[in-house]
Amino acid sequence: MAKITYVEFGGTEHTVEVANGLTVMEGARDNNIPGIEADCGGACACSTCHVYVDPAWVEKLSPMDDMEEDMLDFAFQPDMSRSRLTCQIKVSEQLDGLKVFMPEKQI
């Protein structure tokens, strides 16, 4: 389990425990966290689970693959130094304390 903090665009924080092996997107979905829509269900076929990763965590995540990078082109105001799709971030105990910030909107 890892405690992950999801921060809505307006600043409201939600810290929840997410089971190892799930994705950060599944953690948001299973805990009814607003701001992550996940229209494709985690298939990396949209950008509606886009977040900005806290700068302290960017280098601790596994690198994004080409498909995720391509999908981020469709995200609302991506920041390629911090933007990630939560469906592509697998939860492990090493992610305990991860903090992600939602964009103003998902498209």
PDB file of N, CA and C in Angstrom:
ATOM      1  N   MET A   1       0.837  -1.189   0.000  1.00  0.00           N
ATOM      2  CA  MET A   1       0.000   0.000   0.000  1.00  0.00           C
ATOM      3  C   MET A   1       0.873   1.240   0.000  1.00  0.00           C
ATOM      4  N   ALA A   2       0.376   2.254  -0.669  1.00  0.00           N
ATOM      5  CA  ALA A   2       1.058   3.544  -0.686  1.00  0.00           C
ATOM      6  C   ALA A   2       0.023   4.625  -0.444  1.00  0.00           C
ATOM      7  N   LYS A   3       0.381   5.609   0.347  1.00  0.00           N
ATOM      8  CA  LYS A   3      -0.489   6.774   0.524  1.00  0.00           C
ATOM      9  C   LYS A   3      -0.160   7.755  -0.590  1.00  0.00           C
ATOM     10  N   ILE A   4      -1.186   8.112  -1.331  1.00  0.00           N
ATOM     11  CA  ILE A   4      -1.025   9.034  -2.451  1.00  0.00           C
ATOM     12  C   ILE A   4      -1.932  10.226  -2.206  1.00  0.00           C
ATOM     13  N   THR A   5      -1.400  11.418  -2.437  1.00  0.00           N
ATOM     14  CA  THR A   5      -2.184  12.640  -2.280  1.00  0.00           C
ATOM     15  C   THR A   5      -2.513  13.193  -3.652  1.00  0.00           C
ATOM     16  N   TYR A   6      -3.802  13.354  -3.901  1.00  0.00           N
ATOM     17  CA  TYR A   6      -4.330  13.934  -5.124  1.00  0.00           C
ATOM     18  C   TYR A   6      -4.794  15.348  -4.776  1.00  0.00           C
ATOM     19  N   VAL A   7      -4.328  16.336  -5.513  1.00  0.00           N
ATOM     20  CA  VAL A   7      -4.692  17.717  -5.230  1.00  0.00           C
ATOM     21  C   VAL A   7      -5.538  18.244  -6.388  1.00  0.00           C
ATOM     22  N   GLU A   8      -6.773  18.608  -6.065  1.00  0.00           N
ATOM     23  CA  GLU A   8      -7.656  19.176  -7.079  1.00  0.00           C
ATOM     24  C   GLU A   8      -7.123  20.534  -7.526  1.00  0.00           C
ATOM     25  N   PHE A   9      -7.582  21.006  -8.673  1.00  0.00           N
ATOM     26  CA  PHE A   9      -7.129  22.290  -9.204  1.00  0.00           C
ATOM     27  C   PHE A   9      -7.350  23.420  -8.204  1.00  0.00           C
ATOM     28  N   GLY A  10      -8.437  23.385  -7.463  1.00  0.00           N
ATOM     29  CA  GLY A  10      -8.731  24.423  -6.476  1.00  0.00           C
ATOM     30  C   GLY A  10      -7.947  24.306  -5.179  1.00  0.00           C
ATOM     31  N   GLY A  11      -7.161  23.232  -5.032  1.00  0.00           N
ATOM     32  CA  GLY A  11      -6.320  23.076  -3.851  1.00  0.00           C
ATOM     33  C   GLY A  11      -6.783  22.037  -2.847  1.00  0.00           C
ATOM     34  N   THR A  12      -7.989  21.497  -3.005  1.00  0.00           N
ATOM     35  CA  THR A  12      -8.469  20.471  -2.084  1.00  0.00           C
ATOM     36  C   THR A  12      -7.617  19.212  -2.230  1.00  0.00           C
ATOM     37  N   GLU A  13      -7.128  18.705  -1.101  1.00  0.00           N
ATOM     38  CA  GLU A  13      -6.277  17.514  -1.101  1.00  0.00           C
ATOM     39  C   GLU A  13      -7.055  16.291  -0.645  1.00  0.00           C
ATOM     40  N   HIS A  14      -6.751  15.162  -1.273  1.00  0.00           N
ATOM     41  CA  HIS A  14      -7.321  13.868  -0.909  1.00  0.00           C
ATOM     42  C   HIS A  14      -6.147  12.901  -0.761  1.00  0.00           C
ATOM     43  N   THR A  15      -5.904  12.423   0.437  1.00  0.00           N
ATOM     44  CA  THR A  15      -4.845  11.437   0.653  1.00  0.00           C
ATOM     45  C   THR A  15      -5.513  10.104   0.925  1.00  0.00           C
ATOM     46  N   VAL A  16      -5.190   9.120   0.097  1.00  0.00           N
ATOM     47  CA  VAL A  16      -5.801   7.794   0.203  1.00  0.00           C
ATOM     48  C   VAL A  16      -4.728   6.723   0.085  1.00  0.00           C
ATOM     49  N   GLU A  17      -5.044   5.546   0.604  1.00  0.00           N
ATOM     50  CA  GLU A  17      -4.165   4.401   0.435  1.00  0.00           C
ATOM     51  C   GLU A  17      -4.565   3.671  -0.834  1.00  0.00           C
ATOM     52  N   VAL A  18      -3.558   3.339  -1.626  1.00  0.00           N
ATOM     53  CA  VAL A  18      -3.788   2.632  -2.881  1.00  0.00           C
ATOM     54  C   VAL A  18      -2.973   1.345  -2.848  1.00  0.00           C
ATOM     55  N   ALA A  19      -3.602   0.254  -3.205  1.00  0.00           N
ATOM     56  CA  ALA A  19      -2.943  -1.047  -3.160  1.00  0.00           C
ATOM     57  C   ALA A  19      -1.841  -1.152  -4.203  1.00  0.00           C
ATOM     58  N   ASN A  20      -0.770  -1.846  -3.826  1.00  0.00           N
ATOM     59  CA  ASN A  20       0.311  -2.110  -4.767  1.00  0.00           C
ATOM     60  C   ASN A  20      -0.238  -2.863  -5.973  1.00  0.00           C
ATOM     61  N   GLY A  21       0.271  -2.527  -7.139  1.00  0.00           N
ATOM     62  CA  GLY A  21      -0.152  -3.186  -8.365  1.00  0.00           C
ATOM     63  C   GLY A  21      -1.233  -2.441  -9.125  1.00  0.00           C
ATOM     64  N   LEU A  22      -1.995  -1.607  -8.409  1.00  0.00           N
ATOM     65  CA  LEU A  22      -2.963  -0.763  -9.104  1.00  0.00           C
ATOM     66  C   LEU A  22      -2.220   0.414  -9.719  1.00  0.00           C
ATOM     67  N   THR A  23      -2.912   1.194 -10.517  1.00  0.00           N
ATOM     68  CA  THR A  23      -2.321   2.425 -11.037  1.00  0.00           C
ATOM     69  C   THR A  23      -2.807   3.600 -10.204  1.00  0.00           C
ATOM     70  N   VAL A  24      -2.128   4.714 -10.335  1.00  0.00           N
ATOM     71  CA  VAL A  24      -2.541   5.931  -9.642  1.00  0.00           C
ATOM     72  C   VAL A  24      -3.936   6.337 -10.114  1.00  0.00           C
ATOM     73  N   MET A  25      -4.256   6.085 -11.369  1.00  0.00           N
ATOM     74  CA  MET A  25      -5.594   6.369 -11.897  1.00  0.00           C
ATOM     75  C   MET A  25      -6.634   5.487 -11.224  1.00  0.00           C
ATOM     76  N   GLU A  26      -6.347   4.211 -11.057  1.00  0.00           N
ATOM     77  CA  GLU A  26      -7.298   3.305 -10.410  1.00  0.00           C
ATOM     78  C   GLU A  26      -7.522   3.706  -8.947  1.00  0.00           C
ATOM     79  N   GLY A  27      -6.471   4.200  -8.307  1.00  0.00           N
ATOM     80  CA  GLY A  27      -6.607   4.690  -6.942  1.00  0.00           C
ATOM     81  C   GLY A  27      -7.557   5.863  -6.865  1.00  0.00           C
ATOM     82  N   ALA A  28      -7.473   6.762  -7.833  1.00  0.00           N
ATOM     83  CA  ALA A  28      -8.387   7.909  -7.872  1.00  0.00           C
ATOM     84  C   ALA A  28      -9.811   7.442  -8.152  1.00  0.00           C
ATOM     85  N   ARG A  29      -9.963   6.580  -9.121  1.00  0.00           N
ATOM     86  CA  ARG A  29     -11.293   6.073  -9.488  1.00  0.00           C
ATOM     87  C   ARG A  29     -11.937   5.327  -8.315  1.00  0.00           C
ATOM     88  N   ASP A  30     -11.190   4.445  -7.684  1.00  0.00           N
ATOM     89  CA  ASP A  30     -11.743   3.618  -6.609  1.00  0.00           C
ATOM     90  C   ASP A  30     -12.086   4.424  -5.355  1.00  0.00           C
ATOM     91  N   ASN A  31     -11.471   5.597  -5.220  1.00  0.00           N
ATOM     92  CA  ASN A  31     -11.723   6.447  -4.059  1.00  0.00           C
ATOM     93  C   ASN A  31     -12.543   7.695  -4.396  1.00  0.00           C
ATOM     94  N   ASN A  32     -13.145   7.693  -5.595  1.00  0.00           N
ATOM     95  CA  ASN A  32     -14.018   8.795  -6.030  1.00  0.00           C
ATOM     96  C   ASN A  32     -13.348  10.156  -5.941  1.00  0.00           C
ATOM     97  N   ILE A  33     -12.088  10.220  -6.366  1.00  0.00           N
ATOM     98  CA  ILE A  33     -11.352  11.477  -6.369  1.00  0.00           C
ATOM     99  C   ILE A  33     -11.790  12.278  -7.601  1.00  0.00           C
ATOM    100  N   PRO A  34     -12.325  13.488  -7.412  1.00  0.00           N
ATOM    101  CA  PRO A  34     -12.720  14.288  -8.577  1.00  0.00           C
ATOM    102  C   PRO A  34     -11.503  14.834  -9.317  1.00  0.00           C
ATOM    103  N   GLY A  35     -11.656  14.983 -10.635  1.00  0.00           N
ATOM    104  CA  GLY A  35     -10.600  15.603 -11.431  1.00  0.00           C
ATOM    105  C   GLY A  35      -9.840  14.644 -12.323  1.00  0.00           C
ATOM    106  N   ILE A  36     -10.005  13.353 -12.097  1.00  0.00           N
ATOM    107  CA  ILE A  36      -9.406  12.352 -12.985  1.00  0.00           C
ATOM    108  C   ILE A  36     -10.566  11.576 -13.593  1.00  0.00           C
ATOM    109  N   GLU A  37     -10.780  11.784 -14.892  1.00  0.00           N
ATOM    110  CA  GLU A  37     -11.939  11.200 -15.555  1.00  0.00           C
ATOM    111  C   GLU A  37     -11.688   9.783 -16.059  1.00  0.00           C
ATOM    112  N   ALA A  38     -10.507   9.535 -16.607  1.00  0.00           N
ATOM    113  CA  ALA A  38     -10.120   8.195 -17.076  1.00  0.00           C
ATOM    114  C   ALA A  38     -11.130   7.614 -18.066  1.00  0.00           C
ATOM    115  N   ASP A  39     -11.444   8.380 -19.088  1.00  0.00           N
ATOM    116  CA  ASP A  39     -12.442   7.961 -20.073  1.00  0.00           C
ATOM    117  C   ASP A  39     -12.112   6.632 -20.749  1.00  0.00           C
ATOM    118  N   CYS A  40     -10.836   6.337 -20.983  1.00  0.00           N
ATOM    119  CA  CYS A  40     -10.480   5.104 -21.695  1.00  0.00           C
ATOM    120  C   CYS A  40     -10.284   3.920 -20.747  1.00  0.00           C
ATOM    121  N   GLY A  41     -10.447   4.151 -19.458  1.00  0.00           N
ATOM    122  CA  GLY A  41     -10.342   3.063 -18.498  1.00  0.00           C
ATOM    123  C   GLY A  41      -8.928   2.594 -18.213  1.00  0.00           C
ATOM    124  N   GLY A  42      -7.953   3.343 -18.644  1.00  0.00           N
ATOM    125  CA  GLY A  42      -6.567   2.981 -18.345  1.00  0.00           C
ATOM    126  C   GLY A  42      -5.810   2.385 -19.504  1.00  0.00           C
ATOM    127  N   ALA A  43      -6.330   2.520 -20.701  1.00  0.00           N
ATOM    128  CA  ALA A  43      -5.695   1.922 -21.880  1.00  0.00           C
ATOM    129  C   ALA A  43      -4.661   2.830 -22.536  1.00  0.00           C
ATOM    130  N   CYS A  44      -4.386   3.978 -21.942  1.00  0.00           N
ATOM    131  CA  CYS A  44      -3.456   4.963 -22.514  1.00  0.00           C
ATOM    132  C   CYS A  44      -3.918   5.378 -23.910  1.00  0.00           C
ATOM    133  N   ALA A  45      -5.245   5.582 -24.022  1.00  0.00           N
ATOM    134  CA  ALA A  45      -5.831   5.956 -25.302  1.00  0.00           C
ATOM    135  C   ALA A  45      -6.502   7.319 -25.253  1.00  0.00           C
ATOM    136  N   CYS A  46      -6.277   8.062 -24.170  1.00  0.00           N
ATOM    137  CA  CYS A  46      -6.806   9.413 -24.036  1.00  0.00           C
ATOM    138  C   CYS A  46      -5.873  10.164 -23.089  1.00  0.00           C
ATOM    139  N   SER A  47      -6.262  11.341 -22.699  1.00  0.00           N
ATOM    140  CA  SER A  47      -5.420  12.090 -21.759  1.00  0.00           C
ATOM    141  C   SER A  47      -6.229  12.590 -20.569  1.00  0.00           C
ATOM    142  N   THR A  48      -7.338  11.912 -20.260  1.00  0.00           N
ATOM    143  CA  THR A  48      -8.234  12.406 -19.219  1.00  0.00           C
ATOM    144  C   THR A  48      -7.861  11.960 -17.810  1.00  0.00           C
ATOM    145  N   CYS A  49      -6.650  11.433 -17.649  1.00  0.00           N
ATOM    146  CA  CYS A  49      -6.142  11.131 -16.307  1.00  0.00           C
ATOM    147  C   CYS A  49      -4.820  11.872 -16.084  1.00  0.00           C
ATOM    148  N   HIS A  50      -4.654  12.956 -16.817  1.00  0.00           N
ATOM    149  CA  HIS A  50      -3.442  13.773 -16.768  1.00  0.00           C
ATOM    150  C   HIS A  50      -3.294  14.451 -15.413  1.00  0.00           C
ATOM    151  N   VAL A  51      -2.057  14.447 -14.887  1.00  0.00           N
ATOM    152  CA  VAL A  51      -1.723  15.182 -13.662  1.00  0.00           C
ATOM    153  C   VAL A  51      -0.340  15.797 -13.818  1.00  0.00           C
ATOM    154  N   TYR A  52      -0.053  16.709 -12.900  1.00  0.00           N
ATOM    155  CA  TYR A  52       1.298  17.253 -12.756  1.00  0.00           C
ATOM    156  C   TYR A  52       1.884  16.608 -11.500  1.00  0.00           C
ATOM    157  N   VAL A  53       2.996  15.935 -11.653  1.00  0.00           N
ATOM    158  CA  VAL A  53       3.641  15.259 -10.534  1.00  0.00           C
ATOM    159  C   VAL A  53       4.420  16.281  -9.716  1.00  0.00           C
ATOM    160  N   ASP A  54       4.328  16.157  -8.393  1.00  0.00           N
ATOM    161  CA  ASP A  54       5.114  17.014  -7.508  1.00  0.00           C
ATOM    162  C   ASP A  54       6.580  16.915  -7.920  1.00  0.00           C
ATOM    163  N   PRO A  55       7.272  18.040  -8.046  1.00  0.00           N
ATOM    164  CA  PRO A  55       8.663  18.017  -8.520  1.00  0.00           C
ATOM    165  C   PRO A  55       9.574  17.067  -7.745  1.00  0.00           C
ATOM    166  N   ALA A  56       9.315  16.878  -6.462  1.00  0.00           N
ATOM    167  CA  ALA A  56      10.148  15.975  -5.659  1.00  0.00           C
ATOM    168  C   ALA A  56      10.007  14.520  -6.086  1.00  0.00           C
ATOM    169  N   TRP A  57       8.962  14.202  -6.833  1.00  0.00           N
ATOM    170  CA  TRP A  57       8.687  12.821  -7.230  1.00  0.00           C
ATOM    171  C   TRP A  57       8.986  12.518  -8.694  1.00  0.00           C
ATOM    172  N   VAL A  58       9.213  13.513  -9.500  1.00  0.00           N
ATOM    173  CA  VAL A  58       9.366  13.304 -10.950  1.00  0.00           C
ATOM    174  C   VAL A  58      10.440  12.256 -11.262  1.00  0.00           C
ATOM    175  N   GLU A  59      11.591  12.375 -10.666  1.00  0.00           N
ATOM    176  CA  GLU A  59      12.703  11.459 -10.966  1.00  0.00           C
ATOM    177  C   GLU A  59      12.535  10.088 -10.326  1.00  0.00           C
ATOM    178  N   LYS A  60      11.610   9.954  -9.376  1.00  0.00           N
ATOM    179  CA  LYS A  60      11.403   8.678  -8.688  1.00  0.00           C
ATOM    180  C   LYS A  60      10.469   7.752  -9.454  1.00  0.00           C
ATOM    181  N   LEU A  61       9.740   8.301 -10.434  1.00  0.00           N
ATOM    182  CA  LEU A  61       8.812   7.493 -11.219  1.00  0.00           C
ATOM    183  C   LEU A  61       9.544   6.819 -12.367  1.00  0.00           C
ATOM    184  N   SER A  62       8.997   5.700 -12.809  1.00  0.00           N
ATOM    185  CA  SER A  62       9.578   5.057 -13.991  1.00  0.00           C
ATOM    186  C   SER A  62       9.374   5.995 -15.184  1.00  0.00           C
ATOM    187  N   PRO A  63      10.302   5.977 -16.132  1.00  0.00           N
ATOM    188  CA  PRO A  63      10.179   6.893 -17.275  1.00  0.00           C
ATOM    189  C   PRO A  63       8.938   6.585 -18.105  1.00  0.00           C
ATOM    190  N   MET A  64       8.407   7.620 -18.737  1.00  0.00           N
ATOM    191  CA  MET A  64       7.243   7.403 -19.595  1.00  0.00           C
ATOM    192  C   MET A  64       7.689   6.788 -20.922  1.00  0.00           C
ATOM    193  N   ASP A  65       6.794   6.000 -21.502  1.00  0.00           N
ATOM    194  CA  ASP A  65       7.099   5.423 -22.801  1.00  0.00           C
ATOM    195  C   ASP A  65       6.573   6.347 -23.903  1.00  0.00           C
ATOM    196  N   ASP A  66       6.853   5.972 -25.145  1.00  0.00           N
ATOM    197  CA  ASP A  66       6.473   6.809 -26.286  1.00  0.00           C
ATOM    198  C   ASP A  66       4.964   7.000 -26.394  1.00  0.00           C
ATOM    199  N   MET A  67       4.192   5.965 -26.077  1.00  0.00           N
ATOM    200  CA  MET A  67       2.731   6.061 -26.189  1.00  0.00           C
ATOM    201  C   MET A  67       2.193   7.103 -25.207  1.00  0.00           C
ATOM    202  N   GLU A  68       2.672   7.070 -23.967  1.00  0.00           N
ATOM    203  CA  GLU A  68       2.222   8.056 -22.986  1.00  0.00           C
ATOM    204  C   GLU A  68       2.616   9.467 -23.417  1.00  0.00           C
ATOM    205  N   GLU A  69       3.830   9.608 -23.905  1.00  0.00           N
ATOM    206  CA  GLU A  69       4.285  10.921 -24.367  1.00  0.00           C
ATOM    207  C   GLU A  69       3.405  11.445 -25.497  1.00  0.00           C
ATOM    208  N   ASP A  70       3.039  10.561 -26.428  1.00  0.00           N
ATOM    209  CA  ASP A  70       2.157  10.953 -27.532  1.00  0.00           C
ATOM    210  C   ASP A  70       0.780  11.378 -27.025  1.00  0.00           C
ATOM    211  N   MET A  71       0.233  10.657 -26.054  1.00  0.00           N
ATOM    212  CA  MET A  71      -1.093  10.987 -25.514  1.00  0.00           C
ATOM    213  C   MET A  71      -1.074  12.317 -24.766  1.00  0.00           C
ATOM    214  N   LEU A  72       0.039  12.659 -24.162  1.00  0.00           N
ATOM    215  CA  LEU A  72       0.125  13.932 -23.442  1.00  0.00           C
ATOM    216  C   LEU A  72       0.005  15.132 -24.378  1.00  0.00           C
ATOM    217  N   ASP A  73       0.235  14.913 -25.673  1.00  0.00           N
ATOM    218  CA  ASP A  73       0.021  15.993 -26.646  1.00  0.00           C
ATOM    219  C   ASP A  73      -1.433  16.460 -26.650  1.00  0.00           C
ATOM    220  N   PHE A  74      -2.353  15.594 -26.213  1.00  0.00           N
ATOM    221  CA  PHE A  74      -3.779  15.909 -26.215  1.00  0.00           C
ATOM    222  C   PHE A  74      -4.260  16.436 -24.861  1.00  0.00           C
ATOM    223  N   ALA A  75      -3.389  16.481 -23.874  1.00  0.00           N
ATOM    224  CA  ALA A  75      -3.763  16.928 -22.528  1.00  0.00           C
ATOM    225  C   ALA A  75      -3.891  18.443 -22.479  1.00  0.00           C
ATOM    226  N   PHE A  76      -4.624  18.921 -21.477  1.00  0.00           N
ATOM    227  CA  PHE A  76      -4.784  20.355 -21.264  1.00  0.00           C
ATOM    228  C   PHE A  76      -3.510  20.901 -20.617  1.00  0.00           C
ATOM    229  N   GLN A  77      -2.867  21.812 -21.283  1.00  0.00           N
ATOM    230  CA  GLN A  77      -1.658  22.490 -20.815  1.00  0.00           C
ATOM    231  C   GLN A  77      -0.614  21.550 -20.202  1.00  0.00           C
ATOM    232  N   PRO A  78      -0.113  20.598 -21.002  1.00  0.00           N
ATOM    233  CA  PRO A  78       0.906  19.701 -20.453  1.00  0.00           C
ATOM    234  C   PRO A  78       2.208  20.433 -20.146  1.00  0.00           C
ATOM    235  N   ASP A  79       2.864  19.984 -19.134  1.00  0.00           N
ATOM    236  CA  ASP A  79       4.189  20.465 -18.744  1.00  0.00           C
ATOM    237  C   ASP A  79       5.094  19.241 -18.832  1.00  0.00           C
ATOM    238  N   MET A  80       5.850  19.130 -19.887  1.00  0.00           N
ATOM    239  CA  MET A  80       6.578  17.894 -20.149  1.00  0.00           C
ATOM    240  C   MET A  80       7.633  17.578 -19.090  1.00  0.00           C
ATOM    241  N   SER A  81       7.902  18.508 -18.195  1.00  0.00           N
ATOM    242  CA  SER A  81       8.824  18.188 -17.106  1.00  0.00           C
ATOM    243  C   SER A  81       8.091  17.533 -15.928  1.00  0.00           C
ATOM    244  N   ARG A  82       6.745  17.673 -15.872  1.00  0.00           N
ATOM    245  CA  ARG A  82       5.991  17.150 -14.726  1.00  0.00           C
ATOM    246  C   ARG A  82       4.728  16.377 -15.100  1.00  0.00           C
ATOM    247  N   SER A  83       4.250  16.497 -16.321  1.00  0.00           N
ATOM    248  CA  SER A  83       2.990  15.864 -16.701  1.00  0.00           C
ATOM    249  C   SER A  83       3.155  14.358 -16.861  1.00  0.00           C
ATOM    250  N   ARG A  84       2.151  13.653 -16.355  1.00  0.00           N
ATOM    251  CA  ARG A  84       2.088  12.205 -16.534  1.00  0.00           C
ATOM    252  C   ARG A  84       0.623  11.807 -16.654  1.00  0.00           C
ATOM    253  N   LEU A  85       0.402  10.635 -17.230  1.00  0.00           N
ATOM    254  CA  LEU A  85      -0.919  10.025 -17.238  1.00  0.00           C
ATOM    255  C   LEU A  85      -0.955   9.035 -16.085  1.00  0.00           C
ATOM    256  N   THR A  86      -1.918   9.191 -15.194  1.00  0.00           N
ATOM    257  CA  THR A  86      -1.941   8.353 -13.998  1.00  0.00           C
ATOM    258  C   THR A  86      -2.213   6.885 -14.303  1.00  0.00           C
ATOM    259  N   CYS A  87      -2.773   6.596 -15.463  1.00  0.00           N
ATOM    260  CA  CYS A  87      -3.002   5.192 -15.828  1.00  0.00           C
ATOM    261  C   CYS A  87      -1.696   4.465 -16.111  1.00  0.00           C
ATOM    262  N   GLN A  88      -0.615   5.201 -16.255  1.00  0.00           N
ATOM    263  CA  GLN A  88       0.676   4.607 -16.593  1.00  0.00           C
ATOM    264  C   GLN A  88       1.637   4.566 -15.400  1.00  0.00           C
ATOM    265  N   ILE A  89       1.159   4.960 -14.226  1.00  0.00           N
ATOM    266  CA  ILE A  89       2.011   4.943 -13.030  1.00  0.00           C
ATOM    267  C   ILE A  89       1.526   3.822 -12.118  1.00  0.00           C
ATOM    268  N   LYS A  90       2.303   2.739 -12.031  1.00  0.00           N
ATOM    269  CA  LYS A  90       1.972   1.606 -11.170  1.00  0.00           C
ATOM    270  C   LYS A  90       2.347   1.920  -9.731  1.00  0.00           C
ATOM    271  N   VAL A  91       1.446   1.598  -8.839  1.00  0.00           N
ATOM    272  CA  VAL A  91       1.668   1.847  -7.419  1.00  0.00           C
ATOM    273  C   VAL A  91       2.516   0.731  -6.810  1.00  0.00           C
ATOM    274  N   SER A  92       3.475   1.151  -6.003  1.00  0.00           N
ATOM    275  CA  SER A  92       4.286   0.236  -5.205  1.00  0.00           C
ATOM    276  C   SER A  92       4.594   0.947  -3.895  1.00  0.00           C
ATOM    277  N   GLU A  93       5.174   0.239  -2.957  1.00  0.00           N
ATOM    278  CA  GLU A  93       5.507   0.862  -1.679  1.00  0.00           C
ATOM    279  C   GLU A  93       6.481   2.021  -1.857  1.00  0.00           C
ATOM    280  N   GLN A  94       7.268   2.003  -2.933  1.00  0.00           N
ATOM    281  CA  GLN A  94       8.211   3.085  -3.208  1.00  0.00           C
ATOM    282  C   GLN A  94       7.501   4.396  -3.536  1.00  0.00           C
ATOM    283  N   LEU A  95       6.217   4.334  -3.851  1.00  0.00           N
ATOM    284  CA  LEU A  95       5.460   5.552  -4.164  1.00  0.00           C
ATOM    285  C   LEU A  95       4.724   6.115  -2.957  1.00  0.00           C
ATOM    286  N   ASP A  96       4.964   5.545  -1.781  1.00  0.00           N
ATOM    287  CA  ASP A  96       4.321   6.050  -0.577  1.00  0.00           C
ATOM    288  C   ASP A  96       4.687   7.519  -0.373  1.00  0.00           C
ATOM    289  N   GLY A  97       3.677   8.379  -0.353  1.00  0.00           N
ATOM    290  CA  GLY A  97       3.893   9.820  -0.208  1.00  0.00           C
ATOM    291  C   GLY A  97       3.800  10.600  -1.504  1.00  0.00           C
ATOM    292  N   LEU A  98       3.592   9.903  -2.628  1.00  0.00           N
ATOM    293  CA  LEU A  98       3.469  10.570  -3.928  1.00  0.00           C
ATOM    294  C   LEU A  98       2.369  11.630  -3.870  1.00  0.00           C
ATOM    295  N   LYS A  99       2.634  12.761  -4.511  1.00  0.00           N
ATOM    296  CA  LYS A  99       1.650  13.845  -4.587  1.00  0.00           C
ATOM    297  C   LYS A  99       1.505  14.255  -6.044  1.00  0.00           C
ATOM    298  N   VAL A 100       0.254  14.311  -6.497  1.00  0.00           N
ATOM    299  CA  VAL A 100      -0.035  14.720  -7.871  1.00  0.00           C
ATOM    300  C   VAL A 100      -1.083  15.829  -7.862  1.00  0.00           C
ATOM    301  N   PHE A 101      -0.995  16.690  -8.851  1.00  0.00           N
ATOM    302  CA  PHE A 101      -1.876  17.856  -8.958  1.00  0.00           C
ATOM    303  C   PHE A 101      -2.687  17.764 -10.243  1.00  0.00           C
ATOM    304  N   MET A 102      -4.011  17.968 -10.116  1.00  0.00           N
ATOM    305  CA  MET A 102      -4.870  17.932 -11.285  1.00  0.00           C
ATOM    306  C   MET A 102      -4.807  19.233 -12.062  1.00  0.00           C
ATOM    307  N   PRO A 103      -4.900  19.144 -13.376  1.00  0.00           N
ATOM    308  CA  PRO A 103      -4.980  20.380 -14.174  1.00  0.00           C
ATOM    309  C   PRO A 103      -6.348  21.035 -14.003  1.00  0.00           C
ATOM    310  N   GLU A 104      -6.500  22.192 -14.571  1.00  0.00           N
ATOM    311  CA  GLU A 104      -7.771  22.923 -14.482  1.00  0.00           C
ATOM    312  C   GLU A 104      -8.917  22.108 -15.062  1.00  0.00           C
ATOM    313  N   LYS A 105      -8.632  21.361 -16.125  1.00  0.00           N
ATOM    314  CA  LYS A 105      -9.660  20.506 -16.730  1.00  0.00           C
ATOM    315  C   LYS A 105      -8.973  19.372 -17.475  1.00  0.00           C
ATOM    316  N   GLN A 106      -9.753  18.352 -17.786  1.00  0.00           N
ATOM    317  CA  GLN A 106      -9.289  17.220 -18.583  1.00  0.00           C
ATOM    318  C   GLN A 106      -9.958  17.324 -19.950  1.00  0.00           C
ATOM    319  N   ILE A 107      -9.197  17.049 -20.990  1.00  0.00           N
ATOM    320  CA  ILE A 107      -9.793  17.077 -22.331  1.00  0.00           C
ATOM    321  C   ILE A 107      -9.432  15.826 -23.100  1.00  0.00           C
TER     322      ILE A 107
END
